[in-house]
């Protein structure tokens, strides 16, 4: 585990409170449903890929 988010650069960061991480690991929260219900946050440059697939 990293001590700080700045120790390693990532394209995406999936973040949430510790209590929700525990529920995710136990299978009580689905990762996609967690994003849709705003229990989790996804930070990064995911909008560019999404826009390029919109024209298909």
N, C-alpha and C. Protein backbone atom coordinates (compact mmCIF):
# COMPACT_ATOMS: atom_id res chain seq x y z
N UNK A 1 0.84 -1.16 0.00
CA UNK A 1 0.00 0.00 0.00
C UNK A 1 0.90 1.24 0.00
N UNK A 2 0.47 2.23 -0.76
CA UNK A 2 1.23 3.46 -0.84
C UNK A 2 0.87 4.38 0.31
N UNK A 3 1.84 5.13 0.78
CA UNK A 3 1.60 6.08 1.87
C UNK A 3 0.89 7.32 1.37
N UNK A 4 1.16 7.66 0.12
CA UNK A 4 0.57 8.86 -0.46
C UNK A 4 0.18 8.59 -1.90
N UNK A 5 -0.86 9.23 -2.37
CA UNK A 5 -1.31 9.11 -3.74
C UNK A 5 -0.24 9.60 -4.73
N UNK A 6 0.62 10.49 -4.26
CA UNK A 6 1.66 11.07 -5.12
C UNK A 6 2.85 10.14 -5.36
N UNK A 7 2.94 9.03 -4.65
CA UNK A 7 4.07 8.11 -4.80
C UNK A 7 4.09 7.44 -6.16
N UNK A 8 2.94 7.26 -6.76
CA UNK A 8 2.85 6.60 -8.06
C UNK A 8 1.74 7.25 -8.86
N UNK A 9 2.03 7.55 -10.12
CA UNK A 9 1.03 8.19 -10.97
C UNK A 9 0.12 7.14 -11.60
N UNK A 10 -1.16 7.43 -11.64
CA UNK A 10 -2.14 6.51 -12.21
C UNK A 10 -3.06 7.29 -13.15
N UNK A 11 -3.57 6.60 -14.16
CA UNK A 11 -4.51 7.25 -15.07
C UNK A 11 -5.85 7.50 -14.40
N UNK A 12 -6.26 6.58 -13.53
CA UNK A 12 -7.53 6.69 -12.84
C UNK A 12 -7.33 6.47 -11.35
N UNK A 13 -8.15 7.15 -10.57
CA UNK A 13 -8.15 6.95 -9.12
C UNK A 13 -9.58 6.64 -8.71
N UNK A 14 -9.77 5.50 -8.08
CA UNK A 14 -11.07 5.04 -7.59
C UNK A 14 -11.03 5.26 -6.10
N UNK A 15 -11.78 6.26 -5.62
CA UNK A 15 -11.67 6.56 -4.19
C UNK A 15 -13.03 6.57 -3.52
N UNK A 16 -12.98 6.29 -2.23
CA UNK A 16 -14.17 6.26 -1.41
C UNK A 16 -13.77 6.20 0.06
N UNK A 17 -14.72 6.38 0.96
CA UNK A 17 -14.41 6.25 2.38
C UNK A 17 -14.01 4.81 2.73
N UNK A 18 -13.25 4.66 3.78
CA UNK A 18 -12.78 3.35 4.21
C UNK A 18 -13.94 2.38 4.45
N UNK A 19 -15.03 2.89 5.01
CA UNK A 19 -16.18 2.02 5.29
C UNK A 19 -16.75 1.42 4.00
N UNK A 20 -16.73 2.17 2.90
CA UNK A 20 -17.20 1.63 1.63
C UNK A 20 -16.21 0.66 1.01
N UNK A 21 -14.91 0.86 1.26
CA UNK A 21 -13.92 -0.11 0.79
C UNK A 21 -14.18 -1.47 1.44
N UNK A 22 -14.46 -1.45 2.74
CA UNK A 22 -14.74 -2.70 3.44
C UNK A 22 -15.96 -3.39 2.85
N UNK A 23 -17.01 -2.64 2.57
CA UNK A 23 -18.22 -3.21 1.97
C UNK A 23 -17.94 -3.75 0.58
N UNK A 24 -17.09 -3.08 -0.18
CA UNK A 24 -16.71 -3.55 -1.52
C UNK A 24 -15.98 -4.89 -1.43
N UNK A 25 -15.02 -4.99 -0.53
CA UNK A 25 -14.24 -6.22 -0.36
C UNK A 25 -15.13 -7.38 0.09
N UNK A 26 -16.10 -7.08 0.96
CA UNK A 26 -17.02 -8.12 1.45
C UNK A 26 -18.08 -8.50 0.42
N UNK A 27 -18.16 -7.76 -0.68
CA UNK A 27 -19.16 -8.04 -1.71
C UNK A 27 -20.51 -7.42 -1.44
N UNK A 28 -20.57 -6.50 -0.49
CA UNK A 28 -21.83 -5.85 -0.14
C UNK A 28 -22.17 -4.70 -1.08
N UNK A 29 -21.17 -4.17 -1.76
CA UNK A 29 -21.37 -3.09 -2.73
C UNK A 29 -20.74 -3.51 -4.04
N UNK A 30 -21.47 -3.38 -5.12
CA UNK A 30 -20.94 -3.63 -6.46
C UNK A 30 -20.15 -2.39 -6.90
N UNK A 31 -18.96 -2.55 -7.49
CA UNK A 31 -18.15 -1.38 -7.85
C UNK A 31 -18.83 -0.44 -8.86
N UNK A 32 -19.57 -0.97 -9.81
CA UNK A 32 -20.25 -0.12 -10.79
C UNK A 32 -21.45 0.58 -10.15
N UNK A 33 -22.23 -0.16 -9.39
CA UNK A 33 -23.37 0.45 -8.70
C UNK A 33 -22.88 1.49 -7.70
N UNK A 34 -21.73 1.25 -7.10
CA UNK A 34 -21.15 2.22 -6.19
C UNK A 34 -20.83 3.53 -6.87
N UNK A 35 -20.34 3.47 -8.11
CA UNK A 35 -20.09 4.69 -8.88
C UNK A 35 -21.41 5.39 -9.22
N UNK A 36 -22.38 4.62 -9.66
CA UNK A 36 -23.66 5.20 -10.07
C UNK A 36 -24.43 5.82 -8.91
N UNK A 37 -24.25 5.27 -7.72
CA UNK A 37 -24.93 5.81 -6.54
C UNK A 37 -24.05 6.81 -5.78
N UNK A 38 -22.91 7.13 -6.34
CA UNK A 38 -21.96 8.11 -5.78
C UNK A 38 -21.38 7.72 -4.43
N UNK A 39 -21.29 6.41 -4.20
CA UNK A 39 -20.60 5.94 -3.00
C UNK A 39 -19.10 5.92 -3.27
N UNK A 40 -18.72 5.87 -4.55
CA UNK A 40 -17.33 5.88 -4.98
C UNK A 40 -17.13 7.00 -5.98
N UNK A 41 -15.90 7.45 -6.11
CA UNK A 41 -15.55 8.46 -7.09
C UNK A 41 -14.47 7.91 -7.99
N UNK A 42 -14.58 8.20 -9.27
CA UNK A 42 -13.56 7.82 -10.24
C UNK A 42 -13.00 9.11 -10.80
N UNK A 43 -11.71 9.34 -10.58
CA UNK A 43 -11.06 10.55 -11.07
C UNK A 43 -10.05 10.17 -12.15
N UNK A 44 -10.00 10.95 -13.20
CA UNK A 44 -9.05 10.69 -14.27
C UNK A 44 -9.56 11.22 -15.59
N UNK A 45 -8.85 10.92 -16.65
CA UNK A 45 -9.20 11.39 -17.99
C UNK A 45 -10.00 10.34 -18.74
N UNK A 46 -11.12 9.93 -18.21
CA UNK A 46 -11.94 8.91 -18.85
C UNK A 46 -12.90 9.50 -19.86
N UNK A 47 -13.09 10.82 -19.86
CA UNK A 47 -14.05 11.44 -20.77
C UNK A 47 -13.61 11.42 -22.23
N UNK A 48 -12.32 11.44 -22.51
CA UNK A 48 -11.84 11.44 -23.89
C UNK A 48 -12.18 10.14 -24.61
N UNK A 49 -11.98 9.02 -23.97
CA UNK A 49 -12.31 7.73 -24.58
C UNK A 49 -13.80 7.56 -24.76
N UNK A 50 -14.56 8.07 -23.82
CA UNK A 50 -16.01 7.98 -23.90
C UNK A 50 -16.53 8.76 -25.11
N UNK A 51 -16.00 9.97 -25.30
CA UNK A 51 -16.46 10.80 -26.42
C UNK A 51 -16.10 10.18 -27.75
N UNK A 52 -14.96 9.55 -27.87
CA UNK A 52 -14.55 8.96 -29.14
C UNK A 52 -15.41 7.76 -29.51
N UNK A 53 -16.03 7.09 -28.52
CA UNK A 53 -16.91 5.96 -28.80
C UNK A 53 -18.36 6.38 -29.04
N UNK A 54 -18.67 7.62 -28.77
CA UNK A 54 -20.03 8.11 -28.97
C UNK A 54 -20.42 8.13 -30.45
N UNK A 55 -19.47 8.35 -31.33
CA UNK A 55 -19.77 8.47 -32.76
C UNK A 55 -19.96 7.13 -33.44
N UNK A 56 -19.68 6.03 -32.76
CA UNK A 56 -19.80 4.69 -33.37
C UNK A 56 -21.23 4.28 -33.59
